[in-house]
């Protein structure tokens, strides 16, 4: 590597790190504070909260790395123009296109770092955040239900308990199912607990020594029945906010997982298309067409392309930075940063 290349690279690294810190702070501080508030309210230890906030950084880095690279390169060019070094280069016969070489070297390095963040670091960090958050939410969901207090945190249900068992679970449970207006079903039980299936992300209220009061068609009349056990289903999102469970979402999937899910959806679409082509009833054909639209793999395709488009942006910015930043008028780092932000 020639002296000229090393000189421009050295001038760019400092502004790049400065811009990276500023951009990452601006983009990450708000969601990190919101998550920290939610976790601290749930009683999560401060050490765990700090670790979880670190796992959120790759979400911002995937965007801020290309931004900081462009701003850093333009700030370096601004410093060169501020000290009239660009004029000296032209006077010595240096072609401005000669700056493309160190710019592309830096762009390739930034692209490789961004690719690592998008392909490897981001999915695993997001998944780690979801798993740890779900673990603490499971631990605190049962403790949120206080004795002799109406609990309405589960959609379509009102829950009251007489006592909380120190070993886990509740004593004297009353549950009213309000999901069907005008037909409120009531369940009482001697004992109950919150049953959580980590693998399948299911939440149930498991009851023992149960008496069921099922409303009949006649208002105010109930059919009474006893049972040894009963299980009431609960919407998982009421326990795992925003589906923050152990299952991977699109943002947590690796390239192989995105491609596999895309292939599954495309196979399902092909199957439905074949059924639709053979169907003669217009209503059923419309129903199949709606199912096909709902199974669309566009989200998987978008996330797949996103993992490569952000790194490629670094190379595009390297090419753009030379005509934007190389000029003979006296400027400075602030001018380069302003152009980069624009």
C-alpha atoms as a PDB file:
ATOM      1  CA  UNK A   1       0.000   0.000   0.000  1.00  0.00           C
ATOM      2  CA  UNK A   2       1.457   3.357  -0.998  1.00  0.00           C
ATOM      3  CA  UNK A   3       2.033   6.304   1.314  1.00  0.00           C
ATOM      4  CA  UNK A   4      -0.809   8.272  -0.273  1.00  0.00           C
ATOM      5  CA  UNK A   5      -3.285   5.456   0.414  1.00  0.00           C
ATOM      6  CA  UNK A   6      -2.170   5.045   4.014  1.00  0.00           C
ATOM      7  CA  UNK A   7      -2.412   8.796   4.559  1.00  0.00           C
ATOM      8  CA  UNK A   8      -6.031   9.050   3.395  1.00  0.00           C
ATOM      9  CA  UNK A   9      -7.043   5.932   5.303  1.00  0.00           C
ATOM     10  CA  UNK A  10      -5.495   7.304   8.492  1.00  0.00           C
ATOM     11  CA  UNK A  11      -7.302  10.614   8.000  1.00  0.00           C
ATOM     12  CA  UNK A  12     -10.650   8.819   7.564  1.00  0.00           C
ATOM     13  CA  UNK A  13     -10.580   6.395  10.519  1.00  0.00           C
ATOM     14  CA  UNK A  14     -10.880   9.065  13.227  1.00  0.00           C
ATOM     15  CA  UNK A  15     -13.879  10.918  11.728  1.00  0.00           C
ATOM     16  CA  UNK A  16     -15.477   7.556  10.879  1.00  0.00           C
ATOM     17  CA  UNK A  17     -15.349   6.393  14.509  1.00  0.00           C
ATOM     18  CA  UNK A  18     -16.646   9.765  15.710  1.00  0.00           C
ATOM     19  CA  UNK A  19     -19.569   9.704  13.256  1.00  0.00           C
ATOM     20  CA  UNK A  20     -20.291   6.058  14.094  1.00  0.00           C
ATOM     21  CA  UNK A  21     -20.584   6.874  17.788  1.00  0.00           C
ATOM     22  CA  UNK A  22     -22.843   9.871  17.178  1.00  0.00           C
ATOM     23  CA  UNK A  23     -25.137   8.154  14.671  1.00  0.00           C
ATOM     24  CA  UNK A  24     -25.432   4.974  16.733  1.00  0.00           C
ATOM     25  CA  UNK A  25     -26.263   6.953  19.860  1.00  0.00           C
ATOM     26  CA  UNK A  26     -28.931   8.985  18.065  1.00  0.00           C
ATOM     27  CA  UNK A  27     -30.630   5.957  16.481  1.00  0.00           C
ATOM     28  CA  UNK A  28     -30.303   3.545  19.403  1.00  0.00           C
ATOM     29  CA  UNK A  29     -30.883   5.674  22.490  1.00  0.00           C
ATOM     30  CA  UNK A  30     -34.684   5.924  22.244  1.00  0.00           C
ATOM     31  CA  UNK A  31     -35.517   2.223  21.703  1.00  0.00           C
ATOM     32  CA  UNK A  32     -32.888   1.270  24.292  1.00  0.00           C
ATOM     33  CA  UNK A  33     -34.434   3.578  26.897  1.00  0.00           C
ATOM     34  CA  UNK A  34     -37.911   2.215  26.146  1.00  0.00           C
ATOM     35  CA  UNK A  35     -36.735  -1.374  26.550  1.00  0.00           C
ATOM     36  CA  UNK A  36     -34.778  -0.506  29.712  1.00  0.00           C
ATOM     37  CA  UNK A  37     -37.875   1.081  31.246  1.00  0.00           C
ATOM     38  CA  UNK A  38     -39.971  -1.994  30.476  1.00  0.00           C
ATOM     39  CA  UNK A  39     -37.364  -4.420  31.813  1.00  0.00           C
ATOM     40  CA  UNK A  40     -36.673  -2.481  35.010  1.00  0.00           C
ATOM     41  CA  UNK A  41     -40.413  -2.258  35.675  1.00  0.00           C
ATOM     42  CA  UNK A  42     -40.511  -6.070  35.490  1.00  0.00           C
ATOM     43  CA  UNK A  43     -37.769  -6.338  38.101  1.00  0.00           C
ATOM     44  CA  UNK A  44     -34.978  -7.455  35.782  1.00  0.00           C
ATOM     45  CA  UNK A  45     -31.525  -6.947  37.424  1.00  0.00           C
ATOM     46  CA  UNK A  46     -29.589  -3.922  36.206  1.00  0.00           C
ATOM     47  CA  UNK A  47     -26.669  -6.095  35.022  1.00  0.00           C
ATOM     48  CA  UNK A  48     -29.019  -8.101  32.816  1.00  0.00           C
ATOM     49  CA  UNK A  49     -30.631  -4.918  31.495  1.00  0.00           C
ATOM     50  CA  UNK A  50     -27.232  -3.541  30.470  1.00  0.00           C
ATOM     51  CA  UNK A  51     -26.379  -6.789  28.688  1.00  0.00           C
ATOM     52  CA  UNK A  52     -29.731  -6.802  26.894  1.00  0.00           C
ATOM     53  CA  UNK A  53     -29.193  -3.216  25.757  1.00  0.00           C
ATOM     54  CA  UNK A  54     -25.865  -4.251  24.247  1.00  0.00           C
ATOM     55  CA  UNK A  55     -27.662  -6.915  22.225  1.00  0.00           C
ATOM     56  CA  UNK A  56     -29.764  -4.137  20.655  1.00  0.00           C
ATOM     57  CA  UNK A  57     -26.714  -2.292  19.267  1.00  0.00           C
ATOM     58  CA  UNK A  58     -26.350  -4.414  16.085  1.00  0.00           C
ATOM     59  CA  UNK A  59     -29.798  -3.226  14.959  1.00  0.00           C
ATOM     60  CA  UNK A  60     -28.428   0.321  14.810  1.00  0.00           C
ATOM     61  CA  UNK A  61     -24.955  -0.636  13.556  1.00  0.00           C
ATOM     62  CA  UNK A  62     -26.359  -2.200  10.405  1.00  0.00           C
ATOM     63  CA  UNK A  63     -27.604   1.266   9.393  1.00  0.00           C
ATOM     64  CA  UNK A  64     -25.029   3.544  10.992  1.00  0.00           C
ATOM     65  CA  UNK A  65     -21.915   1.825   9.618  1.00  0.00           C
ATOM     66  CA  UNK A  66     -22.579   2.914   5.990  1.00  0.00           C
ATOM     67  CA  UNK A  67     -23.718   6.353   7.187  1.00  0.00           C
ATOM     68  CA  UNK A  68     -20.619   6.846   9.340  1.00  0.00           C
ATOM     69  CA  UNK A  69     -18.352   5.651   6.536  1.00  0.00           C
ATOM     70  CA  UNK A  70     -19.679   8.270   4.113  1.00  0.00           C
ATOM     71  CA  UNK A  71     -19.547  11.026   6.730  1.00  0.00           C
ATOM     72  CA  UNK A  72     -16.022  10.022   7.818  1.00  0.00           C
ATOM     73  CA  UNK A  73     -14.720   9.995   4.263  1.00  0.00           C
ATOM     74  CA  UNK A  74     -16.243  13.393   3.506  1.00  0.00           C
ATOM     75  CA  UNK A  75     -14.852  14.818   6.754  1.00  0.00           C
ATOM     76  CA  UNK A  76     -11.405  13.582   5.738  1.00  0.00           C
ATOM     77  CA  UNK A  77     -11.740  15.244   2.323  1.00  0.00           C
ATOM     78  CA  UNK A  78     -12.987  18.389   4.045  1.00  0.00           C
ATOM     79  CA  UNK A  79      -9.875  18.472   6.230  1.00  0.00           C
ATOM     80  CA  UNK A  80      -7.661  18.072   3.156  1.00  0.00           C
ATOM     81  CA  UNK A  81      -9.405  20.932   1.386  1.00  0.00           C
ATOM     82  CA  UNK A  82      -9.286  23.050   4.541  1.00  0.00           C
ATOM     83  CA  UNK A  83      -5.502  22.754   4.639  1.00  0.00           C
ATOM     84  CA  UNK A  84      -5.234  23.254   0.868  1.00  0.00           C
ATOM     85  CA  UNK A  85      -3.762  19.778   0.436  1.00  0.00           C
ATOM     86  CA  UNK A  86      -6.159  19.097  -2.421  1.00  0.00           C
ATOM     87  CA  UNK A  87      -4.696  22.097  -4.265  1.00  0.00           C
ATOM     88  CA  UNK A  88      -1.203  20.720  -3.662  1.00  0.00           C
ATOM     89  CA  UNK A  89      -2.258  17.317  -5.024  1.00  0.00           C
ATOM     90  CA  UNK A  90      -3.579  18.859  -8.221  1.00  0.00           C
ATOM     91  CA  UNK A  91      -0.440  20.988  -8.556  1.00  0.00           C
ATOM     92  CA  UNK A  92       1.670  17.827  -8.299  1.00  0.00           C
ATOM     93  CA  UNK A  93      -0.336  16.221 -11.100  1.00  0.00           C
ATOM     94  CA  UNK A  94      -2.389  13.829  -8.951  1.00  0.00           C
ATOM     95  CA  UNK A  95      -5.552  12.785 -10.755  1.00  0.00           C
ATOM     96  CA  UNK A  96      -8.645  13.056  -8.493  1.00  0.00           C
ATOM     97  CA  UNK A  97      -9.607   9.555  -9.646  1.00  0.00           C
ATOM     98  CA  UNK A  98      -6.483   8.361  -7.817  1.00  0.00           C
ATOM     99  CA  UNK A  99      -8.483   8.862  -4.597  1.00  0.00           C
ATOM    100  CA  UNK A 100     -10.831   6.070  -5.609  1.00  0.00           C
ATOM    101  CA  UNK A 101      -8.302   3.426  -4.633  1.00  0.00           C
ATOM    102  CA  UNK A 102      -8.056   4.231  -0.885  1.00  0.00           C
ATOM    103  CA  UNK A 103     -11.765   5.101  -0.845  1.00  0.00           C
ATOM    104  CA  UNK A 104     -12.662   1.675  -2.250  1.00  0.00           C
ATOM    105  CA  UNK A 105     -10.266  -0.031   0.177  1.00  0.00           C
ATOM    106  CA  UNK A 106     -12.064   1.674   3.048  1.00  0.00           C
ATOM    107  CA  UNK A 107     -15.432   0.926   1.422  1.00  0.00           C
ATOM    108  CA  UNK A 108     -14.619  -2.764   1.111  1.00  0.00           C
ATOM    109  CA  UNK A 109     -13.581  -2.874   4.781  1.00  0.00           C
ATOM    110  CA  UNK A 110     -16.769  -1.086   5.873  1.00  0.00           C
ATOM    111  CA  UNK A 111     -18.840  -3.368   3.617  1.00  0.00           C
ATOM    112  CA  UNK A 112     -17.244  -6.472   5.144  1.00  0.00           C
ATOM    113  CA  UNK A 113     -17.934  -5.207   8.670  1.00  0.00           C
ATOM    114  CA  UNK A 114     -21.523  -4.328   7.781  1.00  0.00           C
ATOM    115  CA  UNK A 115     -22.004  -7.739   6.152  1.00  0.00           C
ATOM    116  CA  UNK A 116     -20.801  -9.451   9.327  1.00  0.00           C
ATOM    117  CA  UNK A 117     -23.219  -7.376  11.416  1.00  0.00           C
ATOM    118  CA  UNK A 118     -26.189  -8.031   9.123  1.00  0.00           C
ATOM    119  CA  UNK A 119     -25.567 -11.737   8.455  1.00  0.00           C
ATOM    120  CA  UNK A 120     -24.105 -13.049  11.725  1.00  0.00           C
ATOM    121  CA  UNK A 121     -24.254 -10.551  14.575  1.00  0.00           C
ATOM    122  CA  UNK A 122     -27.741  -9.095  14.112  1.00  0.00           C
ATOM    123  CA  UNK A 123     -29.794 -12.348  14.021  1.00  0.00           C
ATOM    124  CA  UNK A 124     -27.990 -13.881  17.003  1.00  0.00           C
ATOM    125  CA  UNK A 125     -28.100 -10.665  19.066  1.00  0.00           C
ATOM    126  CA  UNK A 126     -31.804 -10.152  18.409  1.00  0.00           C
ATOM    127  CA  UNK A 127     -32.500 -13.773  19.274  1.00  0.00           C
ATOM    128  CA  UNK A 128     -30.513 -13.539  22.510  1.00  0.00           C
ATOM    129  CA  UNK A 129     -32.520 -10.460  23.484  1.00  0.00           C
ATOM    130  CA  UNK A 130     -35.819 -12.230  22.758  1.00  0.00           C
ATOM    131  CA  UNK A 131     -34.863 -15.361  24.714  1.00  0.00           C
ATOM    132  CA  UNK A 132     -33.665 -13.545  27.832  1.00  0.00           C
ATOM    133  CA  UNK A 133     -36.589 -11.116  27.760  1.00  0.00           C
ATOM    134  CA  UNK A 134     -39.086 -13.959  27.352  1.00  0.00           C
ATOM    135  CA  UNK A 135     -37.467 -15.809  30.257  1.00  0.00           C
ATOM    136  CA  UNK A 136     -37.931 -12.880  32.643  1.00  0.00           C
ATOM    137  CA  UNK A 137     -41.441 -12.182  31.365  1.00  0.00           C
ATOM    138  CA  UNK A 138     -42.389 -15.784  32.082  1.00  0.00           C
ATOM    139  CA  UNK A 139     -40.994 -15.500  35.584  1.00  0.00           C
ATOM    140  CA  UNK A 140     -42.873 -12.294  36.350  1.00  0.00           C
ATOM    141  CA  UNK A 141     -46.195 -13.027  34.583  1.00  0.00           C
ATOM    142  CA  UNK A 142     -47.515 -15.180  37.434  1.00  0.00           C
ATOM    143  CA  UNK A 143     -46.281 -12.804  40.135  1.00  0.00           C
ATOM    144  CA  UNK A 144     -48.154  -9.878  38.490  1.00  0.00           C
ATOM    145  CA  UNK A 145     -51.444 -11.462  39.613  1.00  0.00           C
ATOM    146  CA  UNK A 146     -52.119 -10.183  43.146  1.00  0.00           C
ATOM    147  CA  UNK A 147     -54.470 -11.830  45.689  1.00  0.00           C
ATOM    148  CA  UNK A 148     -58.027 -10.470  45.938  1.00  0.00           C
ATOM    149  CA  UNK A 149     -57.470  -8.114  42.998  1.00  0.00           C
ATOM    150  CA  UNK A 150     -59.201  -8.224  39.637  1.00  0.00           C
ATOM    151  CA  UNK A 151     -56.587  -9.054  37.001  1.00  0.00           C
ATOM    152  CA  UNK A 152     -57.556  -8.171  33.417  1.00  0.00           C
ATOM    153  CA  UNK A 153     -54.173  -8.606  31.754  1.00  0.00           C
ATOM    154  CA  UNK A 154     -55.362 -11.661  29.805  1.00  0.00           C
ATOM    155  CA  UNK A 155     -57.627 -10.638  26.878  1.00  0.00           C
ATOM    156  CA  UNK A 156     -61.213 -11.833  27.296  1.00  0.00           C
ATOM    157  CA  UNK A 157     -60.701 -12.992  30.892  1.00  0.00           C
ATOM    158  CA  UNK A 158     -61.045 -11.601  34.402  1.00  0.00           C
ATOM    159  CA  UNK A 159     -59.030 -13.448  37.036  1.00  0.00           C
ATOM    160  CA  UNK A 160     -59.261 -13.235  40.835  1.00  0.00           C
ATOM    161  CA  UNK A 161     -57.297 -15.363  43.314  1.00  0.00           C
ATOM    162  CA  UNK A 162     -57.693 -15.728  47.061  1.00  0.00           C
ATOM    163  CA  UNK A 163     -54.040 -16.393  47.887  1.00  0.00           C
ATOM    164  CA  UNK A 164     -50.726 -16.804  46.120  1.00  0.00           C
ATOM    165  CA  UNK A 165     -48.941 -20.021  46.982  1.00  0.00           C
ATOM    166  CA  UNK A 166     -45.332 -19.430  48.122  1.00  0.00           C
ATOM    167  CA  UNK A 167     -44.277 -22.500  46.142  1.00  0.00           C
ATOM    168  CA  UNK A 168     -45.926 -21.190  42.977  1.00  0.00           C
ATOM    169  CA  UNK A 169     -49.504 -21.097  41.761  1.00  0.00           C
ATOM    170  CA  UNK A 170     -52.664 -19.813  43.405  1.00  0.00           C
ATOM    171  CA  UNK A 171     -55.359 -20.938  45.828  1.00  0.00           C
ATOM    172  CA  UNK A 172     -59.039 -20.089  45.379  1.00  0.00           C
ATOM    173  CA  UNK A 173     -59.232 -19.152  41.713  1.00  0.00           C
ATOM    174  CA  UNK A 174     -62.138 -17.392  39.987  1.00  0.00           C
ATOM    175  CA  UNK A 175     -62.038 -16.900  36.214  1.00  0.00           C
ATOM    176  CA  UNK A 176     -64.724 -15.157  34.124  1.00  0.00           C
ATOM    177  CA  UNK A 177     -64.558 -15.646  30.355  1.00  0.00           C
ATOM    178  CA  UNK A 178     -65.820 -12.384  28.798  1.00  0.00           C
ATOM    179  CA  UNK A 179     -64.808 -13.157  25.216  1.00  0.00           C
ATOM    180  CA  UNK A 180     -68.492 -13.666  24.231  1.00  0.00           C
ATOM    181  CA  UNK A 181     -70.583 -10.619  25.198  1.00  0.00           C
ATOM    182  CA  UNK A 182     -73.826 -11.600  26.905  1.00  0.00           C
ATOM    183  CA  UNK A 183     -72.604 -15.141  27.586  1.00  0.00           C
ATOM    184  CA  UNK A 184     -70.043 -14.886  30.360  1.00  0.00           C
ATOM    185  CA  UNK A 185     -68.746 -18.284  31.454  1.00  0.00           C
ATOM    186  CA  UNK A 186     -67.392 -18.658  34.994  1.00  0.00           C
ATOM    187  CA  UNK A 187     -64.869 -21.147  36.328  1.00  0.00           C
ATOM    188  CA  UNK A 188     -63.899 -21.624  39.968  1.00  0.00           C
ATOM    189  CA  UNK A 189     -61.077 -23.843  41.187  1.00  0.00           C
ATOM    190  CA  UNK A 190     -59.330 -24.747  44.412  1.00  0.00           C
ATOM    191  CA  UNK A 191     -55.894 -24.383  42.848  1.00  0.00           C
ATOM    192  CA  UNK A 192     -54.431 -22.913  39.686  1.00  0.00           C
ATOM    193  CA  UNK A 193     -51.198 -21.918  38.007  1.00  0.00           C
ATOM    194  CA  UNK A 194     -49.873 -20.351  34.828  1.00  0.00           C
ATOM    195  CA  UNK A 195     -48.559 -23.047  32.475  1.00  0.00           C
ATOM    196  CA  UNK A 196     -46.058 -21.805  29.894  1.00  0.00           C
ATOM    197  CA  UNK A 197     -44.749 -23.857  26.982  1.00  0.00           C
ATOM    198  CA  UNK A 198     -41.365 -22.355  26.063  1.00  0.00           C
ATOM    199  CA  UNK A 199     -40.884 -24.328  22.880  1.00  0.00           C
ATOM    200  CA  UNK A 200     -44.286 -23.686  21.302  1.00  0.00           C
ATOM    201  CA  UNK A 201     -44.858 -20.290  22.935  1.00  0.00           C
ATOM    202  CA  UNK A 202     -48.192 -21.317  24.481  1.00  0.00           C
ATOM    203  CA  UNK A 203     -49.743 -19.890  27.638  1.00  0.00           C
ATOM    204  CA  UNK A 204     -52.496 -21.649  29.602  1.00  0.00           C
ATOM    205  CA  UNK A 205     -54.198 -21.352  32.977  1.00  0.00           C
ATOM    206  CA  UNK A 206     -54.141 -24.840  34.506  1.00  0.00           C
ATOM    207  CA  UNK A 207     -56.846 -25.390  37.159  1.00  0.00           C
ATOM    208  CA  UNK A 208     -57.462 -28.220  39.654  1.00  0.00           C
ATOM    209  CA  UNK A 209     -60.748 -29.212  41.374  1.00  0.00           C
ATOM    210  CA  UNK A 210     -62.850 -27.160  38.991  1.00  0.00           C
ATOM    211  CA  UNK A 211     -66.490 -26.115  38.862  1.00  0.00           C
ATOM    212  CA  UNK A 212     -67.678 -24.803  35.471  1.00  0.00           C
ATOM    213  CA  UNK A 213     -70.642 -22.447  35.083  1.00  0.00           C
ATOM    214  CA  UNK A 214     -71.623 -22.450  31.395  1.00  0.00           C
ATOM    215  CA  UNK A 215     -74.338 -19.979  30.296  1.00  0.00           C
ATOM    216  CA  UNK A 216     -77.362 -21.443  28.527  1.00  0.00           C
ATOM    217  CA  UNK A 217     -79.549 -19.814  25.901  1.00  0.00           C
ATOM    218  CA  UNK A 218     -81.894 -18.574  28.645  1.00  0.00           C
ATOM    219  CA  UNK A 219     -80.529 -15.386  30.302  1.00  0.00           C
ATOM    220  CA  UNK A 220     -79.297 -15.854  33.857  1.00  0.00           C
ATOM    221  CA  UNK A 221     -79.350 -19.663  33.689  1.00  0.00           C
ATOM    222  CA  UNK A 222     -76.091 -21.633  33.898  1.00  0.00           C
ATOM    223  CA  UNK A 223     -75.220 -25.280  33.475  1.00  0.00           C
ATOM    224  CA  UNK A 224     -73.017 -26.384  36.361  1.00  0.00           C
ATOM    225  CA  UNK A 225     -70.418 -29.118  35.994  1.00  0.00           C
ATOM    226  CA  UNK A 226     -67.452 -30.318  38.013  1.00  0.00           C
ATOM    227  CA  UNK A 227     -64.101 -31.541  36.734  1.00  0.00           C
ATOM    228  CA  UNK A 228     -60.838 -32.634  38.237  1.00  0.00           C
ATOM    229  CA  UNK A 229     -58.789 -30.400  35.939  1.00  0.00           C
ATOM    230  CA  UNK A 230     -59.350 -27.732  33.320  1.00  0.00           C
ATOM    231  CA  UNK A 231     -57.057 -25.763  31.047  1.00  0.00           C
ATOM    232  CA  UNK A 232     -57.946 -22.285  29.792  1.00  0.00           C
ATOM    233  CA  UNK A 233     -56.053 -20.895  26.820  1.00  0.00           C
ATOM    234  CA  UNK A 234     -54.535 -17.405  26.995  1.00  0.00           C
ATOM    235  CA  UNK A 235     -53.358 -15.182  24.157  1.00  0.00           C
ATOM    236  CA  UNK A 236     -49.525 -15.553  24.227  1.00  0.00           C
ATOM    237  CA  UNK A 237     -49.068 -11.874  23.278  1.00  0.00           C
ATOM    238  CA  UNK A 238     -50.521 -10.860  26.652  1.00  0.00           C
ATOM    239  CA  UNK A 239     -47.564 -12.567  28.334  1.00  0.00           C
ATOM    240  CA  UNK A 240     -44.947 -12.131  25.597  1.00  0.00           C
ATOM    241  CA  UNK A 241     -45.360  -8.521  24.365  1.00  0.00           C
ATOM    242  CA  UNK A 242     -44.909  -8.165  20.599  1.00  0.00           C
ATOM    243  CA  UNK A 243     -44.409 -11.947  20.428  1.00  0.00           C
ATOM    244  CA  UNK A 244     -41.060 -11.594  22.195  1.00  0.00           C
ATOM    245  CA  UNK A 245     -40.739 -15.326  22.648  1.00  0.00           C
ATOM    246  CA  UNK A 246     -38.014 -17.830  21.896  1.00  0.00           C
ATOM    247  CA  UNK A 247     -39.197 -18.431  18.332  1.00  0.00           C
ATOM    248  CA  UNK A 248     -37.181 -16.564  15.706  1.00  0.00           C
ATOM    249  CA  UNK A 249     -38.870 -13.794  13.771  1.00  0.00           C
ATOM    250  CA  UNK A 250     -37.740 -12.539  10.367  1.00  0.00           C
ATOM    251  CA  UNK A 251     -35.200 -10.144  11.889  1.00  0.00           C
ATOM    252  CA  UNK A 252     -33.679 -13.029  13.869  1.00  0.00           C
ATOM    253  CA  UNK A 253     -33.390 -15.489  10.986  1.00  0.00           C
ATOM    254  CA  UNK A 254     -30.173 -16.402   9.264  1.00  0.00           C
ATOM    255  CA  UNK A 255     -29.880 -16.461   5.477  1.00  0.00           C
ATOM    256  CA  UNK A 256     -30.469 -20.227   5.400  1.00  0.00           C
ATOM    257  CA  UNK A 257     -33.567 -19.913   7.577  1.00  0.00           C
ATOM    258  CA  UNK A 258     -34.980 -17.100   5.431  1.00  0.00           C
ATOM    259  CA  UNK A 259     -34.442 -19.125   2.269  1.00  0.00           C
ATOM    260  CA  UNK A 260     -36.025 -22.218   3.831  1.00  0.00           C
ATOM    261  CA  UNK A 261     -39.093 -20.284   4.965  1.00  0.00           C
ATOM    262  CA  UNK A 262     -39.348 -18.615   1.573  1.00  0.00           C
ATOM    263  CA  UNK A 263     -39.184 -22.012  -0.157  1.00  0.00           C
ATOM    264  CA  UNK A 264     -41.919 -23.380   2.121  1.00  0.00           C
ATOM    265  CA  UNK A 265     -44.199 -20.444   1.317  1.00  0.00           C
ATOM    266  CA  UNK A 266     -43.524 -20.703  -2.410  1.00  0.00           C
ATOM    267  CA  UNK A 267     -44.340 -24.420  -2.318  1.00  0.00           C
ATOM    268  CA  UNK A 268     -47.559 -23.671  -0.456  1.00  0.00           C
ATOM    269  CA  UNK A 269     -48.440 -20.957  -2.992  1.00  0.00           C
ATOM    270  CA  UNK A 270     -47.821 -23.353  -5.887  1.00  0.00           C
ATOM    271  CA  UNK A 271     -50.138 -25.878  -4.243  1.00  0.00           C
ATOM    272  CA  UNK A 272     -52.879 -23.281  -3.761  1.00  0.00           C
ATOM    273  CA  UNK A 273     -52.428 -21.988  -7.309  1.00  0.00           C
ATOM    274  CA  UNK A 274     -52.992 -25.500  -8.632  1.00  0.00           C
ATOM    275  CA  UNK A 275     -56.166 -25.836  -6.552  1.00  0.00           C
ATOM    276  CA  UNK A 276     -57.360 -22.423  -7.726  1.00  0.00           C
ATOM    277  CA  UNK A 277     -56.786 -23.313 -11.381  1.00  0.00           C
ATOM    278  CA  UNK A 278     -58.847 -26.480 -10.956  1.00  0.00           C
ATOM    279  CA  UNK A 279     -61.633 -24.778  -8.957  1.00  0.00           C
ATOM    280  CA  UNK A 280     -64.764 -23.788 -10.888  1.00  0.00           C
ATOM    281  CA  UNK A 281     -66.721 -21.932  -8.181  1.00  0.00           C
ATOM    282  CA  UNK A 282     -65.907 -18.173  -8.195  1.00  0.00           C
ATOM    283  CA  UNK A 283     -66.329 -17.820  -4.416  1.00  0.00           C
ATOM    284  CA  UNK A 284     -63.836 -20.593  -3.675  1.00  0.00           C
ATOM    285  CA  UNK A 285     -61.430 -19.207  -6.274  1.00  0.00           C
ATOM    286  CA  UNK A 286     -61.531 -15.806  -4.554  1.00  0.00           C
ATOM    287  CA  UNK A 287     -60.970 -17.461  -1.188  1.00  0.00           C
ATOM    288  CA  UNK A 288     -57.912 -19.301  -2.516  1.00  0.00           C
ATOM    289  CA  UNK A 289     -56.592 -16.079  -4.054  1.00  0.00           C
ATOM    290  CA  UNK A 290     -56.854 -14.369  -0.655  1.00  0.00           C
ATOM    291  CA  UNK A 291     -54.963 -17.227   0.998  1.00  0.00           C
ATOM    292  CA  UNK A 292     -52.214 -16.881  -1.614  1.00  0.00           C
ATOM    293  CA  UNK A 293     -51.871 -13.156  -0.873  1.00  0.00           C
ATOM    294  CA  UNK A 294     -51.592 -13.860   2.853  1.00  0.00           C
ATOM    295  CA  UNK A 295     -48.803 -16.440   2.351  1.00  0.00           C
ATOM    296  CA  UNK A 296     -46.703 -14.078   0.203  1.00  0.00           C
ATOM    297  CA  UNK A 297     -42.912 -14.541   0.744  1.00  0.00           C
ATOM    298  CA  UNK A 298     -42.189 -10.853   0.054  1.00  0.00           C
ATOM    299  CA  UNK A 299     -41.083 -10.186   3.654  1.00  0.00           C
ATOM    300  CA  UNK A 300     -38.554 -13.013   3.541  1.00  0.00           C
ATOM    301  CA  UNK A 301     -37.227 -11.711   0.200  1.00  0.00           C
ATOM    302  CA  UNK A 302     -36.952  -8.183   1.587  1.00  0.00           C
ATOM    303  CA  UNK A 303     -35.003  -9.265   4.688  1.00  0.00           C
ATOM    304  CA  UNK A 304     -32.721 -11.415   2.522  1.00  0.00           C
ATOM    305  CA  UNK A 305     -31.905  -8.519   0.190  1.00  0.00           C
ATOM    306  CA  UNK A 306     -31.464  -6.151   3.110  1.00  0.00           C
ATOM    307  CA  UNK A 307     -28.583  -8.207   4.471  1.00  0.00           C
ATOM    308  CA  UNK A 308     -26.605  -7.484   1.285  1.00  0.00           C
ATOM    309  CA  UNK A 309     -27.920  -4.077   0.215  1.00  0.00           C
ATOM    310  CA  UNK A 310     -26.540  -2.295   3.293  1.00  0.00           C
ATOM    311  CA  UNK A 311     -22.971  -3.606   2.782  1.00  0.00           C
ATOM    312  CA  UNK A 312     -23.122  -2.746  -0.939  1.00  0.00           C
ATOM    313  CA  UNK A 313     -24.127   0.790   0.059  1.00  0.00           C
ATOM    314  CA  UNK A 314     -20.628   1.240   1.533  1.00  0.00           C
ATOM    315  CA  UNK A 315     -19.060   0.654  -1.902  1.00  0.00           C
ATOM    316  CA  UNK A 316     -21.555   3.037  -3.511  1.00  0.00           C
ATOM    317  CA  UNK A 317     -20.744   5.683  -0.905  1.00  0.00           C
ATOM    318  CA  UNK A 318     -17.022   5.233  -1.585  1.00  0.00           C
ATOM    319  CA  UNK A 319     -17.571   6.112  -5.242  1.00  0.00           C
ATOM    320  CA  UNK A 320     -19.869   9.028  -4.399  1.00  0.00           C
ATOM    321  CA  UNK A 321     -17.535  10.483  -1.774  1.00  0.00           C
ATOM    322  CA  UNK A 322     -14.766  11.363  -4.260  1.00  0.00           C
ATOM    323  CA  UNK A 323     -16.758  13.822  -6.428  1.00  0.00           C
ATOM    324  CA  UNK A 324     -18.644  15.101  -3.379  1.00  0.00           C
ATOM    325  CA  UNK A 325     -15.627  15.651  -1.153  1.00  0.00           C
ATOM    326  CA  UNK A 326     -12.673  16.441  -3.440  1.00  0.00           C
ATOM    327  CA  UNK A 327     -12.608  20.133  -4.334  1.00  0.00           C
ATOM    328  CA  UNK A 328     -10.252  23.070  -4.105  1.00  0.00           C
ATOM    329  CA  UNK A 329     -12.373  25.495  -2.088  1.00  0.00           C
ATOM    330  CA  UNK A 330     -11.369  25.869   1.540  1.00  0.00           C
ATOM    331  CA  UNK A 331     -13.719  23.896   3.759  1.00  0.00           C
ATOM    332  CA  UNK A 332     -13.072  21.696   6.783  1.00  0.00           C
ATOM    333  CA  UNK A 333     -14.375  18.680   8.681  1.00  0.00           C
ATOM    334  CA  UNK A 334     -17.622  20.441   9.578  1.00  0.00           C
ATOM    335  CA  UNK A 335     -18.368  21.090   5.914  1.00  0.00           C
ATOM    336  CA  UNK A 336     -17.695  17.430   5.055  1.00  0.00           C
ATOM    337  CA  UNK A 337     -19.979  16.301   7.893  1.00  0.00           C
ATOM    338  CA  UNK A 338     -22.717  18.657   6.652  1.00  0.00           C
ATOM    339  CA  UNK A 339     -22.467  17.274   3.113  1.00  0.00           C
ATOM    340  CA  UNK A 340     -22.501  13.733   4.486  1.00  0.00           C
ATOM    341  CA  UNK A 341     -25.645  14.374   6.538  1.00  0.00           C
ATOM    342  CA  UNK A 342     -27.315  15.943   3.503  1.00  0.00           C
END
